[in-house]
Amino acid sequence: MYSITVVGTGYVGLVTGACLADFGNTVTCVDSDDAKIERLKALDLRFFEPGLPEIVARNSQEGRLKFSSDLAAAMKGSRVVFITVGTPAGPDGSADTTAIYAVGRAVAESLDGYTLVVQKSTAPVGTARELSRFMRRHAKQGAEFDVASNPEFLREGSAIETFMHPDRVVIGVEGLRAARILKKIHDPLFLIETPTIVTTLETAELIKYASNCFLATKISFINEIANLCEAVGADVLTVAKAMGMDRRIGGKFLHAGPGYGGSCFPKDTRALSALARKVGVKADVVGAAISVNDRQLKLMVAKILTAIGSPRGKRVGILGLSFKPNTDDLRESPALAIIPGLRRRGVRVRAFDPVAIPHARKHPRLHGVEFVEDAYETARGADALVIVTEWNEFRGMNLRRLKRLMRRPVLCDLRNVFDVDEVRTAGLRYVGVGTGCPSA
């Protein structure tokens, strides 16, 4: 087992550190924010991820997981450093790698014996190689280290499961020593026969972007098909089901709706597009996926407005604020585009989300929204109830009760959660996405 330092205690860093500790390693998670470190020591995570509080608490109590704001001290005796800091999108869509290089410099200046530096943050192709050169300039003469790329493929809402049982492990390295260490760290995954790709630095980095951009493209494609279904009277649910039966296509991510969101797909599609422009390569498919996603959000606002008629004096209830179920993450959530779009037209908005309301109350794009405690209170007096995030608890709502509470019985199901006939039998007007009956 290894003594490991993880720099960055955001979503990726904390999940990575906790899971590596659960593998039996001794892990110190480092962050420059002293207040954040003190909260983590008190097991205050400040974001919602199923299973993460338990795994953090268990490994902290057993002494395998520690938190510190002192990088140099954490690195003493540590031979592996994971970089898991943020790479936010810049004005042109490219990833801002400032934090990666800041960590790289601090690590280089603290090197004491051979260290493997693992670049896990999602960053442009070429970052790991350039980071190695950059660190060499700031390290003591003769310092021994390697830089590797080990991209993360965590899925918010099921991050522990996807770390412990991943589809694959991708290792980008220059030498056998680095490959051997990363393989050893991931030994528990090899025991369950997890496929492993050992490749070059650049290839590993591009695998992450290519994977996310392809999934985003599938979402945009099925949304275009959904819009076509509405125009010609077809049913996107049946179309997607039949497509997914083709093993060359697969059914995952063929779910029509308001478009993709979250911390990865929007940022990674823009970053890959920016990289392509930089190196003089056309990336028209990725560019189209971005355009379709932006347009889909506007179409959802138009769909709701059509359903309620004149917006003057109307109230809409929004169910779901996070970008997906089982997370409180609002980053690039469709709700952040749909709600302001409705409010600009004068619609009053009441909203509920099982876990994201504390963050939503502070979000500048959601000022003026009335937040309530449950789905039924959201429906009270509403001219339409809109499902934006497909939380499981919404599936079990009593539709007849909703009808009694609403001023006008309109259900805009932007995730196609409900059966059309079931909704109509309860006396509600159904508005779906790609159902061929957008306003019937």
Protein backbone atom coordinates (compact mmCIF):
# COMPACT_ATOMS: atom_id res chain seq x y z
CA MET A 1 0.00 0.00 0.00
CA TYR A 2 1.07 3.58 -0.56
CA SER A 3 1.17 6.88 1.28
CA ILE A 4 -0.72 9.20 -1.08
CA THR A 5 -1.33 12.96 -1.18
CA VAL A 6 -4.43 14.24 -2.97
CA VAL A 7 -4.33 17.95 -3.75
CA GLY A 8 -7.78 19.48 -4.06
CA THR A 9 -10.78 18.56 -1.92
CA GLY A 10 -13.61 19.27 -4.32
CA TYR A 11 -15.90 16.60 -5.67
CA VAL A 12 -13.21 14.61 -7.55
CA GLY A 13 -10.53 15.05 -4.89
CA LEU A 14 -12.65 13.99 -1.97
CA VAL A 15 -14.14 10.97 -3.73
CA THR A 16 -10.70 9.93 -5.00
CA GLY A 17 -9.04 10.35 -1.61
CA ALA A 18 -11.76 8.51 0.28
CA CYS A 19 -11.87 5.59 -2.15
CA LEU A 20 -8.08 5.24 -2.31
CA ALA A 21 -8.08 5.15 1.50
CA ASP A 22 -10.76 2.48 1.38
CA PHE A 23 -8.39 0.45 -0.81
CA GLY A 24 -6.03 0.41 2.19
CA ASN A 25 -3.73 3.30 1.32
CA THR A 26 -2.85 6.11 3.72
CA VAL A 27 -4.23 9.29 2.14
CA THR A 28 -3.88 12.96 3.03
CA CYS A 29 -6.25 15.32 1.21
CA VAL A 30 -4.76 18.80 0.93
CA ASP A 31 -6.47 22.11 0.26
CA SER A 32 -5.26 25.70 0.61
CA ASP A 33 -8.58 26.68 2.20
CA ASP A 34 -8.01 26.29 5.96
CA ALA A 35 -11.71 26.66 6.78
CA LYS A 36 -12.60 23.91 4.32
CA ILE A 37 -10.01 21.59 5.85
CA GLU A 38 -11.40 22.19 9.33
CA ARG A 39 -14.91 21.37 8.09
CA LEU A 40 -13.65 18.14 6.52
CA LYS A 41 -11.90 17.17 9.75
CA ALA A 42 -15.32 17.58 11.37
CA LEU A 43 -16.78 15.39 8.58
CA ASP A 44 -18.77 18.32 7.15
CA LEU A 45 -18.72 17.62 3.40
CA ARG A 46 -20.91 20.52 2.21
CA PHE A 47 -22.16 18.66 -0.89
CA PHE A 48 -24.45 15.71 -1.43
CA GLU A 49 -23.17 12.41 -2.79
CA PRO A 50 -24.77 9.11 -1.72
CA GLY A 51 -22.40 6.94 0.31
CA LEU A 52 -19.57 9.48 0.49
CA PRO A 53 -20.15 10.66 4.11
CA GLU A 54 -19.99 7.06 5.31
CA ILE A 55 -16.78 6.20 3.46
CA VAL A 56 -15.09 9.45 4.58
CA ALA A 57 -16.13 8.88 8.20
CA ARG A 58 -15.02 5.23 8.22
CA ASN A 59 -11.56 5.88 6.79
CA SER A 60 -11.03 8.98 8.93
CA GLN A 61 -11.88 7.05 12.09
CA GLU A 62 -9.57 4.20 11.07
CA GLY A 63 -6.70 6.63 10.44
CA ARG A 64 -6.27 6.07 6.71
CA LEU A 65 -7.79 9.40 5.60
CA LYS A 66 -6.49 12.75 6.85
CA PHE A 67 -6.95 16.39 5.88
CA SER A 68 -4.35 19.15 5.83
CA SER A 69 -3.60 22.60 4.41
CA ASP A 70 0.17 21.99 4.52
CA LEU A 71 1.25 20.40 1.22
CA ALA A 72 4.94 20.16 2.08
CA ALA A 73 4.17 18.33 5.32
CA ALA A 74 1.70 16.01 3.62
CA MET A 75 4.29 15.07 1.00
CA LYS A 76 6.86 13.92 3.55
CA GLY A 77 6.97 10.16 3.14
CA SER A 78 4.42 10.32 0.32
CA ARG A 79 5.55 8.94 -3.01
CA VAL A 80 2.37 9.57 -4.98
CA VAL A 81 0.59 12.91 -5.45
CA PHE A 82 -2.77 13.17 -7.21
CA ILE A 83 -3.72 16.59 -8.61
CA THR A 84 -7.51 17.03 -8.51
CA VAL A 85 -8.01 20.79 -8.70
CA GLY A 86 -10.60 22.61 -10.80
CA THR A 87 -10.11 23.53 -14.46
CA PRO A 88 -12.95 26.00 -15.13
CA ALA A 89 -13.84 27.06 -18.64
CA GLY A 90 -12.36 30.31 -19.88
CA PRO A 91 -14.14 32.87 -22.11
CA ASP A 92 -13.29 30.89 -25.27
CA GLY A 93 -14.35 27.57 -23.76
CA SER A 94 -10.82 26.31 -23.14
CA ALA A 95 -9.96 24.86 -19.74
CA ASP A 96 -8.13 27.13 -17.31
CA THR A 97 -5.18 25.10 -16.02
CA THR A 98 -3.77 27.79 -13.70
CA ALA A 99 -4.50 25.74 -10.58
CA ILE A 100 -2.79 22.65 -11.99
CA TYR A 101 0.46 24.51 -12.60
CA ALA A 102 0.27 26.23 -9.21
CA VAL A 103 0.06 22.81 -7.56
CA GLY A 104 2.78 21.48 -9.86
CA ARG A 105 5.16 24.22 -8.77
CA ALA A 106 4.43 23.67 -5.08
CA VAL A 107 4.95 19.91 -5.48
CA ALA A 108 8.19 20.43 -7.42
CA GLU A 109 9.59 22.67 -4.71
CA SER A 110 8.72 20.07 -2.04
CA LEU A 111 10.12 16.98 -3.79
CA ASP A 112 12.21 14.77 -1.53
CA GLY A 113 12.90 11.44 -3.19
CA TYR A 114 11.15 9.88 -6.16
CA THR A 115 7.52 10.98 -6.52
CA LEU A 116 4.85 10.07 -9.03
CA VAL A 117 2.65 13.07 -9.83
CA VAL A 118 -0.71 11.92 -11.17
CA GLN A 119 -2.65 14.54 -13.13
CA LYS A 120 -6.31 13.60 -12.57
CA SER A 121 -7.99 16.94 -13.28
CA THR A 122 -9.63 17.12 -16.69
CA ALA A 123 -7.23 19.23 -18.74
CA PRO A 124 -6.35 19.90 -22.40
CA VAL A 125 -4.34 17.32 -24.28
CA GLY A 126 -0.67 18.04 -23.69
CA THR A 127 -1.11 19.33 -20.13
CA ALA A 128 0.62 16.38 -18.41
CA ARG A 129 3.69 16.61 -20.66
CA GLU A 130 3.92 20.38 -20.26
CA LEU A 131 3.42 20.01 -16.50
CA SER A 132 6.43 17.68 -16.39
CA ARG A 133 8.59 20.28 -18.16
CA PHE A 134 7.24 23.05 -15.92
CA MET A 135 7.97 21.09 -12.75
CA ARG A 136 11.48 20.28 -13.95
CA ARG A 137 12.21 24.03 -14.10
CA HIS A 138 11.10 24.51 -10.49
CA ALA A 139 12.48 21.34 -8.90
CA LYS A 140 15.91 20.94 -7.36
CA GLN A 141 18.56 19.69 -9.71
CA GLY A 142 18.51 15.90 -9.82
CA ALA A 143 14.99 15.61 -8.36
CA GLU A 144 13.33 12.37 -9.39
CA PHE A 145 9.69 12.37 -10.46
CA ASP A 146 7.32 11.25 -13.19
CA VAL A 147 4.06 12.81 -14.33
CA ALA A 148 1.19 10.54 -15.31
CA SER A 149 -2.35 11.10 -16.56
CA ASN A 150 -5.13 9.13 -14.85
CA PRO A 151 -8.43 10.71 -15.94
CA GLU A 152 -11.50 10.36 -13.75
CA PHE A 153 -14.83 9.04 -15.02
CA LEU A 154 -16.93 9.63 -11.91
CA ARG A 155 -20.69 9.91 -12.32
CA GLU A 156 -22.30 12.29 -9.88
CA GLY A 157 -24.96 10.56 -7.85
CA SER A 158 -23.14 7.22 -8.09
CA ALA A 159 -19.50 8.29 -7.69
CA ILE A 160 -18.54 5.66 -5.11
CA GLU A 161 -19.92 2.87 -7.29
CA THR A 162 -18.22 4.18 -10.43
CA PHE A 163 -14.87 4.51 -8.63
CA MET A 164 -15.07 1.07 -7.04
CA HIS A 165 -16.51 -0.65 -10.14
CA PRO A 166 -15.39 1.44 -13.14
CA ASP A 167 -15.90 0.53 -16.77
CA ARG A 168 -12.14 0.91 -17.27
CA VAL A 169 -9.01 2.42 -15.77
CA VAL A 170 -6.96 4.67 -18.06
CA ILE A 171 -3.28 5.16 -17.28
CA GLY A 172 -1.16 7.54 -19.32
CA VAL A 173 2.56 7.21 -18.57
CA GLU A 174 6.04 7.65 -20.03
CA GLY A 175 7.87 4.87 -18.20
CA LEU A 176 7.48 1.45 -16.62
CA ARG A 177 8.06 2.72 -13.07
CA ALA A 178 5.06 5.07 -13.19
CA ALA A 179 2.89 2.42 -14.82
CA ARG A 180 3.83 -0.14 -12.19
CA ILE A 181 2.90 2.21 -9.30
CA LEU A 182 -0.45 3.21 -10.78
CA LYS A 183 -1.31 -0.39 -11.51
CA LYS A 184 -0.43 -1.33 -7.93
CA ILE A 185 -2.63 1.47 -6.54
CA HIS A 186 -5.52 0.13 -8.62
CA ASP A 187 -4.88 -3.52 -7.65
CA PRO A 188 -8.32 -3.92 -6.00
CA LEU A 189 -9.91 -3.09 -9.36
CA PHE A 190 -7.72 -5.52 -11.25
CA LEU A 191 -8.89 -8.28 -8.90
CA ILE A 192 -12.44 -7.73 -10.17
CA GLU A 193 -11.10 -7.81 -13.74
CA THR A 194 -11.56 -4.13 -14.52
CA PRO A 195 -10.20 -3.45 -18.02
CA THR A 196 -7.07 -1.29 -17.97
CA ILE A 197 -5.69 0.88 -20.74
CA VAL A 198 -2.02 1.81 -20.42
CA THR A 199 -1.12 4.38 -23.03
CA THR A 200 0.65 7.69 -23.67
CA LEU A 201 -0.03 10.91 -21.77
CA GLU A 202 -1.79 12.58 -24.70
CA THR A 203 -3.93 9.56 -25.52
CA ALA A 204 -5.10 9.24 -21.92
CA GLU A 205 -6.08 12.89 -21.82
CA LEU A 206 -7.97 12.66 -25.08
CA ILE A 207 -9.85 9.52 -23.97
CA LYS A 208 -11.56 11.57 -21.25
CA TYR A 209 -12.68 14.32 -23.61
CA ALA A 210 -13.69 11.93 -26.38
CA SER A 211 -15.79 9.85 -23.99
CA ASN A 212 -17.72 12.76 -22.51
CA CYS A 213 -18.18 14.48 -25.86
CA PHE A 214 -19.57 11.30 -27.42
CA LEU A 215 -22.11 10.90 -24.61
CA ALA A 216 -23.11 14.55 -24.95
CA THR A 217 -23.53 14.00 -28.69
CA LYS A 218 -25.86 11.04 -28.05
CA ILE A 219 -28.02 13.27 -25.87
CA SER A 220 -28.14 16.05 -28.45
CA PHE A 221 -28.89 13.57 -31.21
CA ILE A 222 -31.87 12.00 -29.45
CA ASN A 223 -33.18 15.47 -28.62
CA GLU A 224 -33.12 16.37 -32.30
CA ILE A 225 -35.00 13.15 -33.02
CA ALA A 226 -37.47 14.03 -30.25
CA ASN A 227 -38.20 17.38 -31.87
CA LEU A 228 -38.71 15.63 -35.19
CA CYS A 229 -41.07 13.15 -33.50
CA GLU A 230 -43.23 16.01 -32.26
CA ALA A 231 -43.41 17.45 -35.76
CA VAL A 232 -44.44 14.21 -37.46
CA GLY A 233 -46.47 12.53 -34.70
CA ALA A 234 -43.97 9.82 -33.76
CA ASP A 235 -42.92 8.63 -30.29
CA VAL A 236 -39.29 9.19 -29.29
CA LEU A 237 -39.52 6.63 -26.46
CA THR A 238 -40.19 3.85 -28.92
CA VAL A 239 -37.63 5.20 -31.38
CA ALA A 240 -34.95 5.31 -28.68
CA LYS A 241 -35.85 1.86 -27.38
CA ALA A 242 -35.54 0.34 -30.84
CA MET A 243 -32.27 2.17 -31.51
CA GLY A 244 -30.83 0.97 -28.21
CA MET A 245 -31.52 -2.66 -29.09
CA ASP A 246 -28.84 -2.34 -31.76
CA ARG A 247 -25.68 -3.39 -29.92
CA ARG A 248 -23.66 -1.02 -32.06
CA ILE A 249 -25.62 1.90 -30.57
CA GLY A 250 -26.73 0.92 -27.06
CA GLY A 251 -29.60 2.42 -25.11
CA LYS A 252 -27.72 4.54 -22.57
CA PHE A 253 -27.93 8.32 -22.95
CA LEU A 254 -30.73 8.03 -25.50
CA HIS A 255 -33.19 9.83 -23.23
CA ALA A 256 -34.90 12.88 -24.68
CA GLY A 257 -35.25 15.88 -22.41
CA PRO A 258 -34.08 19.43 -21.79
CA GLY A 259 -30.46 18.66 -22.65
CA TYR A 260 -27.26 17.82 -20.79
CA GLY A 261 -25.83 19.78 -17.87
CA GLY A 262 -23.48 19.29 -14.95
CA SER A 263 -19.82 19.99 -14.37
CA CYS A 264 -18.47 17.79 -17.18
CA PHE A 265 -20.39 17.64 -20.45
CA PRO A 266 -20.85 21.40 -21.05
CA LYS A 267 -17.27 22.19 -20.04
CA ASP A 268 -15.66 19.25 -21.85
CA THR A 269 -17.51 19.76 -25.14
CA ARG A 270 -16.48 23.42 -25.19
CA ALA A 271 -12.91 22.54 -24.21
CA LEU A 272 -12.56 19.93 -26.97
CA SER A 273 -13.98 22.38 -29.47
CA ALA A 274 -11.47 25.01 -28.30
CA LEU A 275 -8.61 22.50 -28.55
CA ALA A 276 -9.63 21.59 -32.10
CA ARG A 277 -9.64 25.26 -33.11
CA LYS A 278 -6.22 25.74 -31.53
CA VAL A 279 -4.64 22.90 -33.50
CA GLY A 280 -6.49 23.71 -36.74
CA VAL A 281 -8.81 20.70 -36.80
CA LYS A 282 -12.53 20.93 -37.49
CA ALA A 283 -14.74 19.41 -34.80
CA ASP A 284 -18.12 19.95 -36.42
CA VAL A 285 -19.92 17.09 -34.62
CA VAL A 286 -18.97 18.39 -31.18
CA GLY A 287 -19.88 21.91 -32.23
CA ALA A 288 -23.29 20.69 -33.38
CA ALA A 289 -23.87 18.89 -30.08
CA ILE A 290 -23.22 22.16 -28.23
CA SER A 291 -25.56 24.13 -30.51
CA VAL A 292 -28.35 21.56 -30.24
CA ASN A 293 -28.07 21.55 -26.44
CA ASP A 294 -28.29 25.34 -26.24
CA ARG A 295 -31.30 25.34 -28.55
CA GLN A 296 -33.03 22.56 -26.62
CA LEU A 297 -33.11 24.64 -23.45
CA LYS A 298 -34.83 27.48 -25.31
CA LEU A 299 -37.31 25.03 -26.80
CA MET A 300 -38.21 23.81 -23.30
CA VAL A 301 -39.05 27.37 -22.22
CA ALA A 302 -41.17 27.81 -25.35
CA LYS A 303 -42.90 24.47 -24.69
CA ILE A 304 -43.91 25.53 -21.18
CA LEU A 305 -45.10 28.96 -22.32
CA THR A 306 -47.22 27.36 -25.05
CA ALA A 307 -48.76 25.06 -22.47
CA ILE A 308 -49.82 27.86 -20.12
CA GLY A 309 -50.88 30.40 -22.75
CA SER A 310 -50.41 34.09 -21.93
CA PRO A 311 -47.75 34.29 -19.19
CA ARG A 312 -49.37 37.26 -17.46
CA GLY A 313 -50.37 36.31 -13.91
CA LYS A 314 -49.37 32.67 -14.38
CA ARG A 315 -47.55 30.50 -11.87
CA VAL A 316 -45.39 27.49 -12.76
CA GLY A 317 -44.16 24.83 -10.36
CA ILE A 318 -40.68 23.41 -11.03
CA LEU A 319 -39.78 19.93 -9.78
CA GLY A 320 -36.02 19.39 -9.71
CA LEU A 321 -33.20 21.93 -9.66
CA SER A 322 -30.02 19.81 -9.70
CA PHE A 323 -28.71 18.81 -13.12
CA LYS A 324 -29.43 15.13 -12.39
CA PRO A 325 -30.90 13.03 -9.56
CA ASN A 326 -28.92 12.04 -6.45
CA THR A 327 -26.80 15.20 -6.40
CA ASP A 328 -27.20 18.78 -5.23
CA ASP A 329 -24.98 20.06 -8.05
CA LEU A 330 -26.54 23.01 -9.88
CA ARG A 331 -23.71 23.57 -12.35
CA GLU A 332 -25.13 24.00 -15.85
CA SER A 333 -28.44 22.57 -14.67
CA PRO A 334 -31.28 22.95 -17.20
CA ALA A 335 -33.27 24.60 -14.41
CA LEU A 336 -30.82 27.51 -14.45
CA ALA A 337 -31.83 28.28 -18.04
CA ILE A 338 -35.52 27.35 -17.88
CA ILE A 339 -36.46 29.28 -14.74
CA PRO A 340 -34.90 32.62 -15.79
CA GLY A 341 -36.48 32.14 -19.23
CA LEU A 342 -39.91 31.88 -17.63
CA ARG A 343 -39.34 34.73 -15.21
CA ARG A 344 -38.27 37.08 -17.99
CA ARG A 345 -41.74 36.54 -19.46
CA GLY A 346 -43.38 37.45 -16.17
CA VAL A 347 -44.14 33.93 -14.93
CA ARG A 348 -44.01 33.40 -11.16
CA VAL A 349 -42.01 30.31 -10.22
CA ARG A 350 -42.28 28.01 -7.23
CA ALA A 351 -39.71 25.20 -6.98
CA PHE A 352 -38.78 22.08 -5.05
CA ASP A 353 -35.76 19.78 -5.09
CA PRO A 354 -35.06 16.98 -2.57
CA VAL A 355 -31.50 18.16 -1.77
CA ALA A 356 -30.46 21.19 -3.86
CA ILE A 357 -32.56 23.98 -2.30
CA PRO A 358 -29.82 25.23 0.10
CA HIS A 359 -27.56 25.89 -2.89
CA ALA A 360 -30.44 27.19 -5.00
CA ARG A 361 -31.33 29.86 -2.44
CA LYS A 362 -27.87 31.38 -2.93
CA HIS A 363 -27.74 31.12 -6.73
CA PRO A 364 -27.98 34.51 -8.50
CA ARG A 365 -29.99 33.09 -11.40
CA LEU A 366 -32.69 31.84 -9.05
CA HIS A 367 -33.41 35.06 -7.15
CA GLY A 368 -37.13 35.67 -6.88
CA VAL A 369 -38.02 31.97 -6.94
CA GLU A 370 -40.25 30.71 -4.13
CA PHE A 371 -38.77 27.51 -2.68
CA VAL A 372 -41.12 25.06 -0.96
CA GLU A 373 -40.80 21.85 1.02
CA ASP A 374 -42.41 19.19 -1.18
CA ALA A 375 -43.79 18.39 -4.62
CA TYR A 376 -47.42 18.91 -3.67
CA GLU A 377 -46.79 22.39 -2.31
CA THR A 378 -45.05 23.15 -5.61
CA ALA A 379 -48.23 22.23 -7.46
CA ARG A 380 -50.56 24.32 -5.28
CA GLY A 381 -52.20 27.03 -7.41
CA ALA A 382 -49.93 26.32 -10.38
CA ASP A 383 -50.94 26.74 -14.02
CA ALA A 384 -48.41 24.05 -14.94
CA LEU A 385 -46.17 21.64 -13.08
CA VAL A 386 -42.81 21.02 -14.79
CA ILE A 387 -40.53 18.03 -14.14
CA VAL A 388 -36.98 19.21 -14.87
CA THR A 389 -34.99 16.59 -12.91
CA GLU A 390 -36.14 12.97 -12.75
CA TRP A 391 -35.84 12.31 -9.02
CA ASN A 392 -37.35 8.93 -8.18
CA GLU A 393 -39.67 10.41 -5.60
CA PHE A 394 -41.46 12.34 -8.33
CA ARG A 395 -42.42 9.09 -10.05
CA GLY A 396 -44.60 8.12 -7.13
CA MET A 397 -46.61 11.33 -6.95
CA ASN A 398 -50.38 11.02 -6.66
CA LEU A 399 -51.55 12.53 -9.94
CA ARG A 400 -55.14 13.01 -8.85
CA ARG A 401 -53.97 14.91 -5.80
CA LEU A 402 -51.83 17.11 -8.04
CA LYS A 403 -54.83 17.89 -10.21
CA ARG A 404 -56.87 18.98 -7.18
CA LEU A 405 -54.10 21.31 -6.03
CA MET A 406 -53.38 22.98 -9.37
CA ARG A 407 -55.21 25.96 -10.82
CA ARG A 408 -54.85 24.48 -14.32
CA PRO A 409 -54.09 20.73 -14.66
CA VAL A 410 -51.04 20.80 -16.95
CA LEU A 411 -48.06 18.48 -16.45
CA CYS A 412 -44.97 19.35 -18.48
CA ASP A 413 -42.89 16.20 -18.17
CA LEU A 414 -39.52 17.27 -19.59
CA ARG A 415 -37.98 13.91 -18.64
CA ASN A 416 -40.81 11.67 -19.94
CA VAL A 417 -41.14 10.13 -16.48
CA PHE A 418 -44.86 9.38 -16.65
CA ASP A 419 -47.00 7.27 -18.92
CA VAL A 420 -49.16 9.55 -21.09
CA ASP A 421 -52.35 7.52 -20.57
CA GLU A 422 -51.85 7.44 -16.80
CA VAL A 423 -51.58 11.22 -16.67
CA ARG A 424 -54.63 11.75 -18.84
CA THR A 425 -56.68 9.26 -16.84
CA ALA A 426 -55.93 11.36 -13.74
CA GLY A 427 -57.40 14.37 -15.55
CA LEU A 428 -54.16 16.16 -16.33
CA ARG A 429 -53.07 17.53 -19.68
CA TYR A 430 -49.74 15.95 -20.64
CA VAL A 431 -46.85 17.76 -22.32
CA GLY A 432 -43.83 15.55 -22.98
CA VAL A 433 -40.67 15.72 -25.05
CA GLY A 434 -40.81 13.89 -28.37
CA THR A 435 -44.04 12.08 -27.59
CA GLY A 436 -45.80 13.21 -30.75
CA CYS A 437 -48.42 14.88 -28.53
CA PRO A 438 -46.72 18.02 -27.20
CA SER A 439 -49.94 19.76 -26.22
CA ALA A 440 -52.68 17.11 -26.42
